[in-house]
Every structure is written in C-alpha cells, then in structure tokens.
Amino acid sequence: MKDKLWGKVGTPERDAMEAQLREEVHAYYVGEAIKKARLAQHITQEELGERIGVQRAQISRIEKGKSVITIPTMSRVFKALGITTATLDLGAAGKIALW
C-alpha cells in the first residue's frame, strides 16, 4: 500500500515522504516534552509564550508538533521551563551540548 501511495522504496518521492514523516514524528515528541514540562509546573501556554516572547498560539503549534522549532527557540523554551542543560546525541559522532 505504501508503494502505491508514496512510490517505490528508494525513489525520490518515497524518500521525501519518509523524511517528512520522520520530521513530523520528531516535532510531535519535542512538543509533547515541552507540554509535559509546562504542565508539571502549572504554567499556561500564554505564560510560557510571555516568558519567551511569542504568542500563545505559537506555543500551541509547537506542543502539537505543527510548527518547526529551531534549536534557538527550543533553547529559550526549555530555559524558560528551568531546564538549563541539554545535549544532542549524534550516535557514533558523540554528544554535543546544546545549551
């Protein structure tokens, strides 16, 4: 069924669709982590938005995985939630500190 909808494995169309799907899944998980941290601190989306200088709607889109979040924005969000350090695991290349 996937071959019929997205094209055969290894084709540019299929590769693009699978890459987009991976990005959407990652955005969802980042959004869920932000939402979980925000709710644990009893902070509204509006309050978090004020802390980082964006509208509540932007926080909502990020939490739903509907908005691409840049590393600088992610840094501002997590710092506003009191998460002061983060690392990116690059597998065999090692880990790097993001903030």
N, C-alpha and C. Protein backbone atom coordinates (compact mmCIF):
# COMPACT_ATOMS: atom_id res chain seq x y z
N MET A 1 0.82 -1.18 0.00
CA MET A 1 0.00 0.00 0.00
C MET A 1 0.88 1.26 0.00
N LYS A 2 1.95 1.25 0.84
CA LYS A 2 2.85 2.41 0.85
C LYS A 2 3.47 2.64 -0.51
N ASP A 3 3.86 1.57 -1.18
CA ASP A 3 4.46 1.70 -2.52
C ASP A 3 3.47 2.38 -3.47
N LYS A 4 2.21 2.04 -3.35
CA LYS A 4 1.19 2.61 -4.22
C LYS A 4 0.98 4.10 -3.92
N LEU A 5 0.97 4.45 -2.64
CA LEU A 5 0.71 5.84 -2.25
C LEU A 5 1.95 6.73 -2.35
N TRP A 6 3.10 6.22 -1.91
CA TRP A 6 4.31 7.04 -1.79
C TRP A 6 5.35 6.75 -2.86
N GLY A 7 5.16 5.72 -3.64
CA GLY A 7 6.16 5.32 -4.62
C GLY A 7 7.03 4.20 -4.08
N LYS A 8 7.81 3.62 -4.94
CA LYS A 8 8.68 2.51 -4.57
C LYS A 8 9.81 2.98 -3.65
N VAL A 9 10.29 2.06 -2.81
CA VAL A 9 11.41 2.34 -1.91
C VAL A 9 12.61 2.77 -2.75
N GLY A 10 13.27 3.84 -2.30
CA GLY A 10 14.47 4.31 -2.98
C GLY A 10 14.22 5.38 -4.02
N THR A 11 12.94 5.66 -4.32
CA THR A 11 12.65 6.73 -5.28
C THR A 11 12.67 8.08 -4.55
N PRO A 12 12.94 9.16 -5.25
CA PRO A 12 12.96 10.48 -4.61
C PRO A 12 11.64 10.82 -3.91
N GLU A 13 10.53 10.43 -4.51
CA GLU A 13 9.22 10.72 -3.91
C GLU A 13 9.06 9.99 -2.57
N ARG A 14 9.43 8.72 -2.56
CA ARG A 14 9.31 7.92 -1.33
C ARG A 14 10.26 8.44 -0.26
N ASP A 15 11.50 8.74 -0.65
CA ASP A 15 12.48 9.26 0.30
C ASP A 15 11.99 10.57 0.92
N ALA A 16 11.42 11.44 0.09
CA ALA A 16 10.92 12.73 0.59
C ALA A 16 9.76 12.52 1.55
N MET A 17 8.86 11.62 1.23
CA MET A 17 7.70 11.36 2.10
C MET A 17 8.14 10.78 3.43
N GLU A 18 9.08 9.84 3.40
CA GLU A 18 9.56 9.24 4.64
C GLU A 18 10.33 10.25 5.48
N ALA A 19 11.10 11.13 4.85
CA ALA A 19 11.81 12.17 5.58
C ALA A 19 10.83 13.12 6.24
N GLN A 20 9.78 13.49 5.52
CA GLN A 20 8.77 14.38 6.09
C GLN A 20 8.07 13.71 7.27
N LEU A 21 7.76 12.45 7.16
CA LEU A 21 7.12 11.72 8.24
C LEU A 21 8.01 11.68 9.48
N ARG A 22 9.31 11.43 9.28
CA ARG A 22 10.25 11.42 10.42
C ARG A 22 10.28 12.78 11.10
N GLU A 23 10.32 13.86 10.32
CA GLU A 23 10.33 15.22 10.88
C GLU A 23 9.07 15.48 11.70
N GLU A 24 7.93 15.04 11.19
CA GLU A 24 6.67 15.25 11.91
C GLU A 24 6.64 14.46 13.22
N VAL A 25 7.17 13.25 13.20
CA VAL A 25 7.20 12.44 14.43
C VAL A 25 8.13 13.10 15.46
N HIS A 26 9.30 13.57 15.01
CA HIS A 26 10.22 14.24 15.94
C HIS A 26 9.59 15.51 16.51
N ALA A 27 8.91 16.29 15.68
CA ALA A 27 8.25 17.51 16.14
C ALA A 27 7.19 17.17 17.18
N TYR A 28 6.47 16.09 16.97
CA TYR A 28 5.46 15.66 17.93
C TYR A 28 6.09 15.34 19.28
N TYR A 29 7.19 14.57 19.28
CA TYR A 29 7.82 14.19 20.55
C TYR A 29 8.43 15.39 21.27
N VAL A 30 9.02 16.32 20.54
CA VAL A 30 9.54 17.54 21.18
C VAL A 30 8.39 18.33 21.78
N GLY A 31 7.30 18.46 21.03
CA GLY A 31 6.12 19.17 21.54
C GLY A 31 5.56 18.53 22.79
N GLU A 32 5.49 17.22 22.80
CA GLU A 32 4.99 16.51 23.98
C GLU A 32 5.89 16.75 25.20
N ALA A 33 7.21 16.76 24.98
CA ALA A 33 8.14 17.02 26.09
C ALA A 33 7.94 18.42 26.65
N ILE A 34 7.75 19.39 25.76
CA ILE A 34 7.52 20.77 26.21
C ILE A 34 6.22 20.85 26.99
N LYS A 35 5.17 20.26 26.45
CA LYS A 35 3.87 20.29 27.12
C LYS A 35 3.94 19.63 28.50
N LYS A 36 4.60 18.47 28.58
CA LYS A 36 4.72 17.76 29.85
C LYS A 36 5.46 18.61 30.89
N ALA A 37 6.57 19.24 30.49
CA ALA A 37 7.33 20.09 31.42
C ALA A 37 6.51 21.30 31.84
N ARG A 38 5.79 21.89 30.89
CA ARG A 38 4.97 23.07 31.20
C ARG A 38 3.86 22.72 32.17
N LEU A 39 3.14 21.64 31.92
CA LEU A 39 2.04 21.24 32.79
C LEU A 39 2.52 20.84 34.18
N ALA A 40 3.70 20.22 34.26
CA ALA A 40 4.25 19.82 35.56
C ALA A 40 4.50 21.04 36.45
N GLN A 41 4.73 22.19 35.80
CA GLN A 41 4.99 23.42 36.55
C GLN A 41 3.75 24.31 36.65
N HIS A 42 2.62 23.82 36.16
CA HIS A 42 1.36 24.56 36.21
C HIS A 42 1.46 25.92 35.53
N ILE A 43 2.09 25.92 34.36
CA ILE A 43 2.27 27.13 33.56
C ILE A 43 1.33 27.04 32.36
N THR A 44 0.63 28.11 32.07
CA THR A 44 -0.24 28.11 30.89
C THR A 44 0.60 28.34 29.64
N GLN A 45 0.00 28.04 28.49
CA GLN A 45 0.67 28.32 27.23
C GLN A 45 0.93 29.82 27.09
N GLU A 46 -0.01 30.61 27.54
CA GLU A 46 0.15 32.07 27.47
C GLU A 46 1.34 32.53 28.32
N GLU A 47 1.45 32.00 29.54
CA GLU A 47 2.57 32.37 30.41
C GLU A 47 3.91 31.97 29.79
N LEU A 48 3.98 30.77 29.23
CA LEU A 48 5.22 30.33 28.59
C LEU A 48 5.54 31.22 27.40
N GLY A 49 4.53 31.54 26.62
CA GLY A 49 4.73 32.44 25.48
C GLY A 49 5.28 33.78 25.91
N GLU A 50 4.75 34.33 27.00
CA GLU A 50 5.23 35.61 27.51
C GLU A 50 6.69 35.51 27.94
N ARG A 51 7.06 34.40 28.55
CA ARG A 51 8.43 34.22 29.01
C ARG A 51 9.45 34.22 27.87
N ILE A 52 9.03 33.73 26.71
CA ILE A 52 9.98 33.65 25.59
C ILE A 52 9.69 34.64 24.47
N GLY A 53 8.62 35.42 24.62
CA GLY A 53 8.34 36.46 23.65
C GLY A 53 7.58 36.02 22.40
N VAL A 54 6.69 35.02 22.55
CA VAL A 54 5.85 34.61 21.43
C VAL A 54 4.39 34.54 21.90
N GLN A 55 3.50 34.46 20.95
CA GLN A 55 2.08 34.35 21.25
C GLN A 55 1.73 32.94 21.74
N ARG A 56 0.63 32.84 22.47
CA ARG A 56 0.14 31.55 22.96
C ARG A 56 -0.08 30.57 21.80
N ALA A 57 -0.57 31.08 20.68
CA ALA A 57 -0.82 30.21 19.51
C ALA A 57 0.45 29.52 19.03
N GLN A 58 1.58 30.20 19.12
CA GLN A 58 2.85 29.59 18.71
C GLN A 58 3.22 28.44 19.65
N ILE A 59 3.01 28.64 20.95
CA ILE A 59 3.28 27.57 21.92
C ILE A 59 2.36 26.38 21.62
N SER A 60 1.11 26.64 21.31
CA SER A 60 0.16 25.58 20.98
C SER A 60 0.63 24.79 19.76
N ARG A 61 1.06 25.49 18.71
CA ARG A 61 1.53 24.81 17.50
C ARG A 61 2.77 23.97 17.79
N ILE A 62 3.68 24.50 18.59
CA ILE A 62 4.90 23.75 18.95
C ILE A 62 4.53 22.48 19.72
N GLU A 63 3.65 22.63 20.72
CA GLU A 63 3.27 21.47 21.53
C GLU A 63 2.54 20.40 20.72
N LYS A 64 1.82 20.80 19.70
CA LYS A 64 1.10 19.84 18.85
C LYS A 64 1.99 19.26 17.75
N GLY A 65 3.22 19.76 17.64
CA GLY A 65 4.11 19.29 16.59
C GLY A 65 3.75 19.85 15.23
N LYS A 66 3.02 20.95 15.20
CA LYS A 66 2.56 21.54 13.95
C LYS A 66 3.46 22.67 13.48
N SER A 67 4.51 22.95 14.23
CA SER A 67 5.43 24.04 13.89
C SER A 67 6.85 23.54 14.01
N VAL A 68 7.67 23.87 13.05
CA VAL A 68 9.08 23.51 13.13
C VAL A 68 9.73 24.39 14.19
N ILE A 69 10.41 23.76 15.12
CA ILE A 69 11.06 24.52 16.19
C ILE A 69 12.57 24.51 15.94
N THR A 70 13.15 25.69 15.94
CA THR A 70 14.59 25.80 15.76
C THR A 70 15.29 25.53 17.09
N ILE A 71 16.56 25.24 17.01
CA ILE A 71 17.31 25.00 18.25
C ILE A 71 17.34 26.25 19.13
N PRO A 72 17.53 27.46 18.58
CA PRO A 72 17.47 28.64 19.46
C PRO A 72 16.11 28.80 20.17
N THR A 73 15.02 28.54 19.46
CA THR A 73 13.70 28.63 20.09
C THR A 73 13.54 27.53 21.13
N MET A 74 13.99 26.33 20.79
CA MET A 74 13.92 25.23 21.75
C MET A 74 14.69 25.57 23.02
N SER A 75 15.85 26.18 22.84
CA SER A 75 16.66 26.60 23.98
C SER A 75 15.90 27.59 24.86
N ARG A 76 15.27 28.58 24.24
CA ARG A 76 14.51 29.58 25.00
C ARG A 76 13.35 28.93 25.75
N VAL A 77 12.65 28.02 25.10
CA VAL A 77 11.51 27.34 25.72
C VAL A 77 11.97 26.55 26.94
N PHE A 78 12.97 25.69 26.74
CA PHE A 78 13.40 24.84 27.85
C PHE A 78 14.05 25.63 28.97
N LYS A 79 14.80 26.67 28.64
CA LYS A 79 15.36 27.53 29.70
C LYS A 79 14.25 28.20 30.48
N ALA A 80 13.19 28.65 29.79
CA ALA A 80 12.05 29.27 30.47
C ALA A 80 11.34 28.28 31.39
N LEU A 81 11.48 27.00 31.09
CA LEU A 81 10.89 25.95 31.92
C LEU A 81 11.86 25.45 32.99
N GLY A 82 13.04 26.08 33.07
CA GLY A 82 14.00 25.72 34.10
C GLY A 82 14.91 24.56 33.72
N ILE A 83 14.88 24.14 32.48
CA ILE A 83 15.76 23.06 32.01
C ILE A 83 17.00 23.73 31.44
N THR A 84 18.06 23.74 32.21
CA THR A 84 19.20 24.60 31.90
C THR A 84 20.29 23.94 31.06
N THR A 85 20.21 22.63 30.86
CA THR A 85 21.21 21.97 30.03
C THR A 85 20.53 20.96 29.11
N ALA A 86 21.13 20.75 27.95
CA ALA A 86 20.63 19.74 27.02
C ALA A 86 21.78 19.30 26.14
N THR A 87 21.72 18.05 25.73
CA THR A 87 22.73 17.53 24.81
C THR A 87 22.05 16.88 23.62
N LEU A 88 22.76 16.87 22.52
CA LEU A 88 22.29 16.23 21.30
C LEU A 88 23.16 15.01 21.07
N ASP A 89 22.52 13.84 20.99
CA ASP A 89 23.24 12.59 20.78
C ASP A 89 23.40 12.37 19.28
N LEU A 90 24.64 12.41 18.81
CA LEU A 90 24.94 12.23 17.40
C LEU A 90 25.41 10.82 17.08
N GLY A 91 25.07 9.89 17.94
CA GLY A 91 25.46 8.49 17.73
C GLY A 91 26.94 8.30 17.80
N ALA A 92 27.52 7.73 16.76
CA ALA A 92 28.96 7.43 16.72
C ALA A 92 29.81 8.70 16.78
N ALA A 93 29.24 9.84 16.38
CA ALA A 93 29.99 11.09 16.40
C ALA A 93 30.06 11.70 17.80
N GLY A 94 29.30 11.15 18.74
CA GLY A 94 29.34 11.63 20.11
C GLY A 94 28.19 12.55 20.45
N LYS A 95 28.30 13.18 21.59
CA LYS A 95 27.26 14.09 22.07
C LYS A 95 27.81 15.51 22.11
N ILE A 96 26.92 16.48 21.87
CA ILE A 96 27.31 17.88 21.98
C ILE A 96 26.31 18.61 22.88
N ALA A 97 26.82 19.57 23.62
CA ALA A 97 25.96 20.39 24.48
C ALA A 97 25.24 21.41 23.61
N LEU A 98 23.93 21.51 23.78
CA LEU A 98 23.16 22.50 23.03
C LEU A 98 23.10 23.82 23.77
N TRP A 99 22.93 23.74 25.09
CA TRP A 99 22.94 24.93 25.95
C TRP A 99 23.24 24.52 27.35
